[in-house]
Amino acid sequence: MASLLSDDNPLHASPALYVVATPLGNRQDITLRALSVLAAVNVIAAEDTRHSVKLLDAHGISAKMLALHEHNEQEGATRIIAMLEAGQHVALITDAGTPAVSDPGARLVARVQEAGHVVVPVPGACAAITALSASGLTAAHFHFHGFLPPKSAARRAALDALRSVDATLVFYEAPHRVLETVEDLVATLEPAREIVFARELTKLFEQIARMPLAEARSWLAEDANRQRGEFVLLVGPAPRAEGLPPEAGRILRLLLAELPLKTAARLAADITGLPKNALYEEALKLKG
């Protein structure tokens, strides 16, 4: 099926919802297509209209706006569907980055699709991908988790469930919780993993720092400025034990979470058929 979009006309032939990515910080990161769509639609739904109008004013775009955020998304979806049924085109933006990715928009998109209307993605900035591209982490895969639970017990449980994921783990975190989250990362995951702090991406005080997880808390504590701004935290997968298959390491970590070191190594040897001495040495490393 041929696309109904073109460089000359950014709008779909049918009334549509456009999910438009906006800059993380630097206003020059908006795409030409995003500007064309935002200038052409009838209505722009924004997470915070007061924030978004500054971006629109900077690019000379004047449009009717409505607020759509996590507290009114269902009500806003009903209004937007009515606009689409009346033949209008609507764009969705959030405060920064790509809507519906740890930001409002997913419920709206689902409702619009269920109502039989077209949803058009207009790609651009995404904090997770921006951070990954400059992280220096080399794992072949990544697992995007977004925000962890705000309470420590639930956060540690979530992290424990992610221990066996053989991929870079990607989290978003707010400045007032970043130190507590790092403490839970250190307490839950292997200290030999690498962590990358990607802070204030594309903004004046952008900072990207990579280090062993064991050093993360002291790095944050050395300078209070390092705890400011919006964070993407990237945690590399657990280092693989030399000579041991990945599955053996996973089994050993699960046993160590519940049993004494010697018992865990013995049971891991019984389960895998691998040498107990090698598993014991690996268990010592995992215990730090």
C-alpha atoms as a PDB file:
ATOM      1  CA  MET A   1       0.000   0.000   0.000  1.00  0.00           C
ATOM      2  CA  ALA A   2       1.482   3.364  -0.993  1.00  0.00           C
ATOM      3  CA  SER A   3       1.930   6.010   1.661  1.00  0.00           C
ATOM      4  CA  LEU A   4      -0.600   8.804   1.724  1.00  0.00           C
ATOM      5  CA  LEU A   5       2.043  11.153   3.118  1.00  0.00           C
ATOM      6  CA  SER A   6       4.509  13.200   1.099  1.00  0.00           C
ATOM      7  CA  ASP A   7       7.191  15.830   1.594  1.00  0.00           C
ATOM      8  CA  ASP A   8       4.855  18.434   0.101  1.00  0.00           C
ATOM      9  CA  ASN A   9       1.819  17.539   2.193  1.00  0.00           C
ATOM     10  CA  PRO A  10       2.678  16.323   5.711  1.00  0.00           C
ATOM     11  CA  LEU A  11      -0.903  15.328   6.560  1.00  0.00           C
ATOM     12  CA  HIS A  12      -2.667  12.044   5.903  1.00  0.00           C
ATOM     13  CA  ALA A  13      -5.574  11.947   3.467  1.00  0.00           C
ATOM     14  CA  SER A  14      -7.855  10.979   6.377  1.00  0.00           C
ATOM     15  CA  PRO A  15      -8.116  12.792   9.728  1.00  0.00           C
ATOM     16  CA  ALA A  16      -5.308  11.413  11.872  1.00  0.00           C
ATOM     17  CA  LEU A  17      -3.514  11.593  15.179  1.00  0.00           C
ATOM     18  CA  TYR A  18       0.190  12.474  14.756  1.00  0.00           C
ATOM     19  CA  VAL A  19       2.501  11.284  17.539  1.00  0.00           C
ATOM     20  CA  VAL A  20       5.239  13.906  17.261  1.00  0.00           C
ATOM     21  CA  ALA A  21       8.628  13.682  18.981  1.00  0.00           C
ATOM     22  CA  THR A  22      10.014  16.982  20.262  1.00  0.00           C
ATOM     23  CA  PRO A  23      13.509  17.961  21.482  1.00  0.00           C
ATOM     24  CA  LEU A  24      14.856  16.778  24.823  1.00  0.00           C
ATOM     25  CA  GLY A  25      16.391  20.194  25.414  1.00  0.00           C
ATOM     26  CA  ASN A  26      18.111  21.702  22.410  1.00  0.00           C
ATOM     27  CA  ARG A  27      15.370  23.252  20.265  1.00  0.00           C
ATOM     28  CA  GLN A  28      17.362  22.671  17.085  1.00  0.00           C
ATOM     29  CA  ASP A  29      16.754  18.931  17.463  1.00  0.00           C
ATOM     30  CA  ILE A  30      13.192  19.237  16.129  1.00  0.00           C
ATOM     31  CA  THR A  31      12.807  17.651  12.684  1.00  0.00           C
ATOM     32  CA  LEU A  32      11.640  19.466   9.564  1.00  0.00           C
ATOM     33  CA  ARG A  33       8.766  17.020   9.272  1.00  0.00           C
ATOM     34  CA  ALA A  34       7.680  17.643  12.873  1.00  0.00           C
ATOM     35  CA  LEU A  35       7.594  21.390  12.207  1.00  0.00           C
ATOM     36  CA  SER A  36       5.519  20.857   9.061  1.00  0.00           C
ATOM     37  CA  VAL A  37       3.016  18.645  10.864  1.00  0.00           C
ATOM     38  CA  LEU A  38       2.703  20.942  13.871  1.00  0.00           C
ATOM     39  CA  ALA A  39       2.117  23.922  11.593  1.00  0.00           C
ATOM     40  CA  ALA A  40      -0.529  22.087   9.549  1.00  0.00           C
ATOM     41  CA  VAL A  41      -2.727  20.307  12.120  1.00  0.00           C
ATOM     42  CA  ASN A  42      -5.909  21.795  13.533  1.00  0.00           C
ATOM     43  CA  VAL A  43      -5.100  21.073  17.193  1.00  0.00           C
ATOM     44  CA  ILE A  44      -1.989  20.237  19.227  1.00  0.00           C
ATOM     45  CA  ALA A  45      -2.475  18.173  22.395  1.00  0.00           C
ATOM     46  CA  ALA A  46       0.394  18.846  24.810  1.00  0.00           C
ATOM     47  CA  GLU A  47       1.398  17.455  28.193  1.00  0.00           C
ATOM     48  CA  ASP A  48       1.956  21.026  29.456  1.00  0.00           C
ATOM     49  CA  THR A  49       0.686  23.739  27.132  1.00  0.00           C
ATOM     50  CA  ARG A  50       2.652  26.447  28.959  1.00  0.00           C
ATOM     51  CA  HIS A  51       5.885  24.552  28.351  1.00  0.00           C
ATOM     52  CA  SER A  52       5.142  23.569  24.748  1.00  0.00           C
ATOM     53  CA  VAL A  53       4.057  27.028  23.615  1.00  0.00           C
ATOM     54  CA  LYS A  54       7.654  28.202  24.080  1.00  0.00           C
ATOM     55  CA  LEU A  55       8.846  25.613  21.540  1.00  0.00           C
ATOM     56  CA  LEU A  56       6.064  26.506  19.123  1.00  0.00           C
ATOM     57  CA  ASP A  57       6.707  30.248  19.476  1.00  0.00           C
ATOM     58  CA  ALA A  58      10.418  29.687  18.793  1.00  0.00           C
ATOM     59  CA  HIS A  59       9.484  28.189  15.421  1.00  0.00           C
ATOM     60  CA  GLY A  60       6.696  30.626  14.584  1.00  0.00           C
ATOM     61  CA  ILE A  61       3.885  28.097  14.978  1.00  0.00           C
ATOM     62  CA  SER A  62       0.520  29.306  16.223  1.00  0.00           C
ATOM     63  CA  ALA A  63      -2.054  26.584  16.878  1.00  0.00           C
ATOM     64  CA  LYS A  64      -5.060  25.734  18.985  1.00  0.00           C
ATOM     65  CA  MET A  65      -3.853  23.698  21.972  1.00  0.00           C
ATOM     66  CA  LEU A  66      -5.357  21.444  24.587  1.00  0.00           C
ATOM     67  CA  ALA A  67      -3.775  19.833  27.642  1.00  0.00           C
ATOM     68  CA  LEU A  68      -3.396  16.063  27.684  1.00  0.00           C
ATOM     69  CA  HIS A  69      -1.513  14.571  30.630  1.00  0.00           C
ATOM     70  CA  GLU A  70      -1.583  11.456  32.805  1.00  0.00           C
ATOM     71  CA  HIS A  71      -4.480  12.754  34.921  1.00  0.00           C
ATOM     72  CA  ASN A  72      -6.890  13.561  32.058  1.00  0.00           C
ATOM     73  CA  GLU A  73      -5.782  11.202  29.278  1.00  0.00           C
ATOM     74  CA  GLN A  74      -9.031   9.238  29.071  1.00  0.00           C
ATOM     75  CA  GLU A  75     -11.163  12.405  29.010  1.00  0.00           C
ATOM     76  CA  GLY A  76      -8.765  13.983  26.520  1.00  0.00           C
ATOM     77  CA  ALA A  77      -8.953  10.904  24.297  1.00  0.00           C
ATOM     78  CA  THR A  78     -12.728  11.252  24.084  1.00  0.00           C
ATOM     79  CA  ARG A  79     -12.376  14.884  23.000  1.00  0.00           C
ATOM     80  CA  ILE A  80      -9.704  14.083  20.431  1.00  0.00           C
ATOM     81  CA  ILE A  81     -11.707  11.222  18.920  1.00  0.00           C
ATOM     82  CA  ALA A  82     -14.623  13.646  18.509  1.00  0.00           C
ATOM     83  CA  MET A  83     -12.276  16.067  16.704  1.00  0.00           C
ATOM     84  CA  LEU A  84     -11.071  13.307  14.375  1.00  0.00           C
ATOM     85  CA  GLU A  85     -14.652  12.313  13.626  1.00  0.00           C
ATOM     86  CA  ALA A  86     -15.328  15.962  12.739  1.00  0.00           C
ATOM     87  CA  GLY A  87     -12.534  15.812  10.138  1.00  0.00           C
ATOM     88  CA  GLN A  88      -9.767  17.520  12.109  1.00  0.00           C
ATOM     89  CA  HIS A  89      -6.102  16.543  12.333  1.00  0.00           C
ATOM     90  CA  VAL A  90      -4.555  16.399  15.832  1.00  0.00           C
ATOM     91  CA  ALA A  91      -0.898  16.275  16.908  1.00  0.00           C
ATOM     92  CA  LEU A  92       0.273  14.866  20.242  1.00  0.00           C
ATOM     93  CA  ILE A  93       3.439  16.142  21.930  1.00  0.00           C
ATOM     94  CA  THR A  94       4.887  15.806  25.419  1.00  0.00           C
ATOM     95  CA  ASP A  95       7.269  18.037  27.340  1.00  0.00           C
ATOM     96  CA  ALA A  96      10.301  16.380  25.735  1.00  0.00           C
ATOM     97  CA  GLY A  97      11.082  13.375  23.562  1.00  0.00           C
ATOM     98  CA  THR A  98       8.708  10.795  22.113  1.00  0.00           C
ATOM     99  CA  PRO A  99       5.125  10.610  23.440  1.00  0.00           C
ATOM    100  CA  ALA A 100       3.825   7.345  24.937  1.00  0.00           C
ATOM    101  CA  VAL A 101       7.349   6.200  25.954  1.00  0.00           C
ATOM    102  CA  SER A 102       7.290   6.618  29.757  1.00  0.00           C
ATOM    103  CA  ASP A 103       5.152   9.676  29.011  1.00  0.00           C
ATOM    104  CA  PRO A 104       1.427  10.242  28.410  1.00  0.00           C
ATOM    105  CA  GLY A 105      -0.009   9.077  25.104  1.00  0.00           C
ATOM    106  CA  ALA A 106      -0.239   5.271  25.063  1.00  0.00           C
ATOM    107  CA  ARG A 107      -3.877   5.181  26.215  1.00  0.00           C
ATOM    108  CA  LEU A 108      -4.784   7.916  23.731  1.00  0.00           C
ATOM    109  CA  VAL A 109      -3.174   6.024  20.847  1.00  0.00           C
ATOM    110  CA  ALA A 110      -5.008   2.832  21.806  1.00  0.00           C
ATOM    111  CA  ARG A 111      -8.351   4.629  22.024  1.00  0.00           C
ATOM    112  CA  VAL A 112      -7.851   6.350  18.653  1.00  0.00           C
ATOM    113  CA  GLN A 113      -6.914   3.056  16.986  1.00  0.00           C
ATOM    114  CA  GLU A 114      -9.919   1.307  18.529  1.00  0.00           C
ATOM    115  CA  ALA A 115     -12.146   4.079  17.162  1.00  0.00           C
ATOM    116  CA  GLY A 116     -10.867   3.266  13.664  1.00  0.00           C
ATOM    117  CA  HIS A 117      -8.752   6.372  13.071  1.00  0.00           C
ATOM    118  CA  VAL A 118      -5.233   6.623  11.657  1.00  0.00           C
ATOM    119  CA  VAL A 119      -2.240   7.103  13.981  1.00  0.00           C
ATOM    120  CA  VAL A 120       0.887   8.514  12.317  1.00  0.00           C
ATOM    121  CA  PRO A 121       4.293   8.446  14.088  1.00  0.00           C
ATOM    122  CA  VAL A 122       6.565  11.437  13.471  1.00  0.00           C
ATOM    123  CA  PRO A 123       9.919  10.217  14.850  1.00  0.00           C
ATOM    124  CA  GLY A 124      12.600  12.262  16.500  1.00  0.00           C
ATOM    125  CA  ALA A 125      14.343  12.605  19.855  1.00  0.00           C
ATOM    126  CA  CYS A 126      14.086   9.795  22.426  1.00  0.00           C
ATOM    127  CA  ALA A 127      16.125   9.972  25.640  1.00  0.00           C
ATOM    128  CA  ALA A 128      16.715   6.213  25.846  1.00  0.00           C
ATOM    129  CA  ILE A 129      18.114   5.910  22.312  1.00  0.00           C
ATOM    130  CA  THR A 130      20.107   9.126  22.649  1.00  0.00           C
ATOM    131  CA  ALA A 131      21.776   7.808  25.799  1.00  0.00           C
ATOM    132  CA  LEU A 132      22.443   4.360  24.329  1.00  0.00           C
ATOM    133  CA  SER A 133      24.119   5.819  21.256  1.00  0.00           C
ATOM    134  CA  ALA A 134      26.729   7.623  23.359  1.00  0.00           C
ATOM    135  CA  SER A 135      27.032   5.150  26.232  1.00  0.00           C
ATOM    136  CA  GLY A 136      29.953   3.051  25.049  1.00  0.00           C
ATOM    137  CA  LEU A 137      28.157  -0.094  26.214  1.00  0.00           C
ATOM    138  CA  THR A 138      28.579  -2.893  23.700  1.00  0.00           C
ATOM    139  CA  ALA A 139      25.853  -5.409  24.568  1.00  0.00           C
ATOM    140  CA  ALA A 140      23.997  -6.572  21.484  1.00  0.00           C
ATOM    141  CA  HIS A 141      20.579  -5.978  23.047  1.00  0.00           C
ATOM    142  CA  PHE A 142      18.893  -3.521  25.382  1.00  0.00           C
ATOM    143  CA  HIS A 143      15.871  -3.775  27.667  1.00  0.00           C
ATOM    144  CA  PHE A 144      13.956  -0.537  28.170  1.00  0.00           C
ATOM    145  CA  HIS A 145      12.300  -0.472  31.593  1.00  0.00           C
ATOM    146  CA  GLY A 146      11.635   3.233  32.062  1.00  0.00           C
ATOM    147  CA  PHE A 147      10.900   4.387  35.621  1.00  0.00           C
ATOM    148  CA  LEU A 148      11.458   1.988  38.505  1.00  0.00           C
ATOM    149  CA  PRO A 149       9.024   1.940  41.459  1.00  0.00           C
ATOM    150  CA  PRO A 150       9.469   4.896  43.856  1.00  0.00           C
ATOM    151  CA  LYS A 151       9.730   2.756  47.026  1.00  0.00           C
ATOM    152  CA  SER A 152      12.970   0.902  47.764  1.00  0.00           C
ATOM    153  CA  ALA A 153      11.466  -2.533  48.490  1.00  0.00           C
ATOM    154  CA  ALA A 154       9.475  -2.574  45.257  1.00  0.00           C
ATOM    155  CA  ARG A 155      12.438  -1.144  43.356  1.00  0.00           C
ATOM    156  CA  ARG A 156      14.762  -3.897  44.594  1.00  0.00           C
ATOM    157  CA  ALA A 157      12.186  -6.540  43.701  1.00  0.00           C
ATOM    158  CA  ALA A 158      11.942  -5.125  40.179  1.00  0.00           C
ATOM    159  CA  LEU A 159      15.725  -5.073  39.829  1.00  0.00           C
ATOM    160  CA  ASP A 160      16.027  -8.621  41.124  1.00  0.00           C
ATOM    161  CA  ALA A 161      13.584  -9.737  38.434  1.00  0.00           C
ATOM    162  CA  LEU A 162      15.841  -8.109  35.824  1.00  0.00           C
ATOM    163  CA  ARG A 163      19.094  -9.713  37.013  1.00  0.00           C
ATOM    164  CA  SER A 164      19.053 -12.508  34.453  1.00  0.00           C
ATOM    165  CA  VAL A 165      18.254 -10.279  31.457  1.00  0.00           C
ATOM    166  CA  ASP A 166      21.260 -10.560  29.134  1.00  0.00           C
ATOM    167  CA  ALA A 167      21.062  -6.994  27.824  1.00  0.00           C
ATOM    168  CA  THR A 168      21.767  -3.404  28.754  1.00  0.00           C
ATOM    169  CA  LEU A 169      19.071  -2.242  31.177  1.00  0.00           C
ATOM    170  CA  VAL A 170      17.703   1.253  30.491  1.00  0.00           C
ATOM    171  CA  PHE A 171      16.016   3.267  33.234  1.00  0.00           C
ATOM    172  CA  TYR A 172      14.692   6.804  33.558  1.00  0.00           C
ATOM    173  CA  GLU A 173      15.095   8.532  36.906  1.00  0.00           C
ATOM    174  CA  ALA A 174      14.316  11.880  38.511  1.00  0.00           C
ATOM    175  CA  PRO A 175      17.012  13.865  40.351  1.00  0.00           C
ATOM    176  CA  HIS A 176      15.415  13.552  43.803  1.00  0.00           C
ATOM    177  CA  ARG A 177      15.511   9.740  43.603  1.00  0.00           C
ATOM    178  CA  VAL A 178      18.678   9.020  41.656  1.00  0.00           C
ATOM    179  CA  LEU A 179      20.915   8.430  44.693  1.00  0.00           C
ATOM    180  CA  GLU A 180      18.441   5.999  46.291  1.00  0.00           C
ATOM    181  CA  THR A 181      18.018   4.175  42.995  1.00  0.00           C
ATOM    182  CA  VAL A 182      21.775   3.814  42.566  1.00  0.00           C
ATOM    183  CA  GLU A 183      22.054   2.453  46.111  1.00  0.00           C
ATOM    184  CA  ASP A 184      19.479  -0.201  45.226  1.00  0.00           C
ATOM    185  CA  LEU A 185      21.260  -0.994  41.966  1.00  0.00           C
ATOM    186  CA  VAL A 186      24.503  -1.547  43.885  1.00  0.00           C
ATOM    187  CA  ALA A 187      22.750  -3.675  46.513  1.00  0.00           C
ATOM    188  CA  THR A 188      20.903  -5.842  43.977  1.00  0.00           C
ATOM    189  CA  LEU A 189      23.136  -6.274  40.922  1.00  0.00           C
ATOM    190  CA  GLU A 190      26.708  -7.469  40.413  1.00  0.00           C
ATOM    191  CA  PRO A 191      29.303  -4.773  41.241  1.00  0.00           C
ATOM    192  CA  ALA A 192      31.356  -5.628  38.141  1.00  0.00           C
ATOM    193  CA  ARG A 193      28.583  -4.445  35.803  1.00  0.00           C
ATOM    194  CA  GLU A 194      29.077  -1.127  34.055  1.00  0.00           C
ATOM    195  CA  ILE A 195      26.738   1.795  34.610  1.00  0.00           C
ATOM    196  CA  VAL A 196      26.365   4.917  32.497  1.00  0.00           C
ATOM    197  CA  PHE A 197      24.908   8.137  33.837  1.00  0.00           C
ATOM    198  CA  ALA A 198      23.390  10.179  31.002  1.00  0.00           C
ATOM    199  CA  ARG A 199      22.300  13.465  32.568  1.00  0.00           C
ATOM    200  CA  GLU A 200      20.638  16.551  31.069  1.00  0.00           C
ATOM    201  CA  LEU A 201      20.914  15.191  27.523  1.00  0.00           C
ATOM    202  CA  THR A 202      21.252  17.866  24.790  1.00  0.00           C
ATOM    203  CA  LYS A 203      21.154  20.622  27.436  1.00  0.00           C
ATOM    204  CA  LEU A 204      23.803  23.046  28.686  1.00  0.00           C
ATOM    205  CA  PHE A 205      25.064  20.792  31.492  1.00  0.00           C
ATOM    206  CA  GLU A 206      24.890  17.492  29.588  1.00  0.00           C
ATOM    207  CA  GLN A 207      27.042  14.795  31.163  1.00  0.00           C
ATOM    208  CA  ILE A 208      27.675  11.181  30.170  1.00  0.00           C
ATOM    209  CA  ALA A 209      29.855   9.110  32.504  1.00  0.00           C
ATOM    210  CA  ARG A 210      30.615   5.367  32.434  1.00  0.00           C
ATOM    211  CA  MET A 211      32.087   3.377  35.333  1.00  0.00           C
ATOM    212  CA  PRO A 212      31.826   0.077  37.254  1.00  0.00           C
ATOM    213  CA  LEU A 213      28.604  -0.119  39.226  1.00  0.00           C
ATOM    214  CA  ALA A 214      30.640  -0.475  42.426  1.00  0.00           C
ATOM    215  CA  GLU A 215      31.888   3.113  41.956  1.00  0.00           C
ATOM    216  CA  ALA A 216      28.526   4.680  41.109  1.00  0.00           C
ATOM    217  CA  ARG A 217      27.462   5.870  44.551  1.00  0.00           C
ATOM    218  CA  SER A 218      30.788   7.541  45.362  1.00  0.00           C
ATOM    219  CA  TRP A 219      30.802   9.241  41.937  1.00  0.00           C
ATOM    220  CA  LEU A 220      27.389  10.756  42.599  1.00  0.00           C
ATOM    221  CA  ALA A 221      28.340  11.836  46.112  1.00  0.00           C
ATOM    222  CA  GLU A 222      31.563  13.583  45.026  1.00  0.00           C
ATOM    223  CA  ASP A 223      29.687  16.516  43.485  1.00  0.00           C
ATOM    224  CA  ALA A 224      26.133  17.600  44.354  1.00  0.00           C
ATOM    225  CA  ASN A 225      25.702  18.895  40.785  1.00  0.00           C
ATOM    226  CA  ARG A 226      25.902  15.307  39.540  1.00  0.00           C
ATOM    227  CA  GLN A 227      22.509  14.641  41.166  1.00  0.00           C
ATOM    228  CA  ARG A 228      20.758  17.398  39.225  1.00  0.00           C
ATOM    229  CA  GLY A 229      18.696  17.094  36.063  1.00  0.00           C
ATOM    230  CA  GLU A 230      16.811  14.296  34.354  1.00  0.00           C
ATOM    231  CA  PHE A 231      18.651  10.980  34.135  1.00  0.00           C
ATOM    232  CA  VAL A 232      18.894   7.998  31.864  1.00  0.00           C
ATOM    233  CA  LEU A 233      20.678   5.186  33.726  1.00  0.00           C
ATOM    234  CA  LEU A 234      22.117   2.381  31.606  1.00  0.00           C
ATOM    235  CA  VAL A 235      23.378  -0.767  33.300  1.00  0.00           C
ATOM    236  CA  GLY A 236      25.325  -3.315  31.302  1.00  0.00           C
ATOM    237  CA  PRO A 237      24.612  -7.051  31.574  1.00  0.00           C
ATOM    238  CA  ALA A 238      26.402  -9.154  34.164  1.00  0.00           C
ATOM    239  CA  PRO A 239      29.907 -10.113  33.037  1.00  0.00           C
ATOM    240  CA  ARG A 240      30.084 -13.694  31.890  1.00  0.00           C
ATOM    241  CA  ALA A 241      32.164 -16.122  33.892  1.00  0.00           C
ATOM    242  CA  GLU A 242      35.235 -17.302  31.987  1.00  0.00           C
ATOM    243  CA  GLY A 243      34.799 -20.906  30.944  1.00  0.00           C
ATOM    244  CA  LEU A 244      31.251 -21.129  32.284  1.00  0.00           C
ATOM    245  CA  PRO A 245      28.165 -20.967  30.066  1.00  0.00           C
ATOM    246  CA  PRO A 246      25.751 -18.054  30.694  1.00  0.00           C
ATOM    247  CA  GLU A 247      23.043 -20.413  31.989  1.00  0.00           C
ATOM    248  CA  ALA A 248      25.373 -21.661  34.740  1.00  0.00           C
ATOM    249  CA  GLY A 249      25.985 -18.121  35.919  1.00  0.00           C
ATOM    250  CA  ARG A 250      22.254 -17.418  35.972  1.00  0.00           C
ATOM    251  CA  ILE A 251      21.561 -20.543  38.053  1.00  0.00           C
ATOM    252  CA  LEU A 252      24.368 -19.676  40.447  1.00  0.00           C
ATOM    253  CA  ARG A 253      23.041 -16.129  40.972  1.00  0.00           C
ATOM    254  CA  LEU A 254      19.554 -17.435  41.720  1.00  0.00           C
ATOM    255  CA  LEU A 255      20.901 -19.917  44.271  1.00  0.00           C
ATOM    256  CA  LEU A 256      23.162 -17.335  45.924  1.00  0.00           C
ATOM    257  CA  ALA A 257      20.146 -15.099  46.508  1.00  0.00           C
ATOM    258  CA  GLU A 258      18.691 -17.772  48.835  1.00  0.00           C
ATOM    259  CA  LEU A 259      21.537 -20.004  50.036  1.00  0.00           C
ATOM    260  CA  PRO A 260      25.026 -19.884  51.596  1.00  0.00           C
ATOM    261  CA  LEU A 261      27.887 -19.732  49.135  1.00  0.00           C
ATOM    262  CA  LYS A 262      29.121 -23.335  49.508  1.00  0.00           C
ATOM    263  CA  THR A 263      25.625 -24.775  49.274  1.00  0.00           C
ATOM    264  CA  ALA A 264      24.834 -22.673  46.209  1.00  0.00           C
ATOM    265  CA  ALA A 265      28.029 -23.817  44.453  1.00  0.00           C
ATOM    266  CA  ARG A 266      27.349 -27.493  45.279  1.00  0.00           C
ATOM    267  CA  LEU A 267      23.750 -27.366  44.053  1.00  0.00           C
ATOM    268  CA  ALA A 268      24.784 -25.468  40.901  1.00  0.00           C
ATOM    269  CA  ALA A 269      27.290 -28.241  40.182  1.00  0.00           C
ATOM    270  CA  ASP A 270      24.575 -30.883  40.689  1.00  0.00           C
ATOM    271  CA  ILE A 271      22.184 -29.034  38.356  1.00  0.00           C
ATOM    272  CA  THR A 272      24.639 -28.183  35.576  1.00  0.00           C
ATOM    273  CA  GLY A 273      27.159 -31.011  35.805  1.00  0.00           C
ATOM    274  CA  LEU A 274      29.975 -28.440  35.820  1.00  0.00           C
ATOM    275  CA  PRO A 275      32.994 -28.591  38.170  1.00  0.00           C
ATOM    276  CA  LYS A 276      32.114 -27.515  41.708  1.00  0.00           C
ATOM    277  CA  ASN A 277      35.459 -25.722  42.159  1.00  0.00           C
ATOM    278  CA  ALA A 278      34.849 -23.504  39.122  1.00  0.00           C
ATOM    279  CA  LEU A 279      31.366 -22.676  40.337  1.00  0.00           C
ATOM    280  CA  TYR A 280      32.683 -21.952  43.828  1.00  0.00           C
ATOM    281  CA  GLU A 281      35.273 -19.527  42.438  1.00  0.00           C
ATOM    282  CA  GLU A 282      32.579 -17.811  40.395  1.00  0.00           C
ATOM    283  CA  ALA A 283      30.326 -17.608  43.452  1.00  0.00           C
ATOM    284  CA  LEU A 284      33.121 -15.849  45.357  1.00  0.00           C
ATOM    285  CA  LYS A 285      33.356 -13.256  42.578  1.00  0.00           C
ATOM    286  CA  LEU A 286      29.592 -12.726  42.527  1.00  0.00           C
ATOM    287  CA  LYS A 287      29.547 -12.198  46.263  1.00  0.00           C
ATOM    288  CA  GLY A 288      32.236  -9.544  45.830  1.00  0.00           C
END
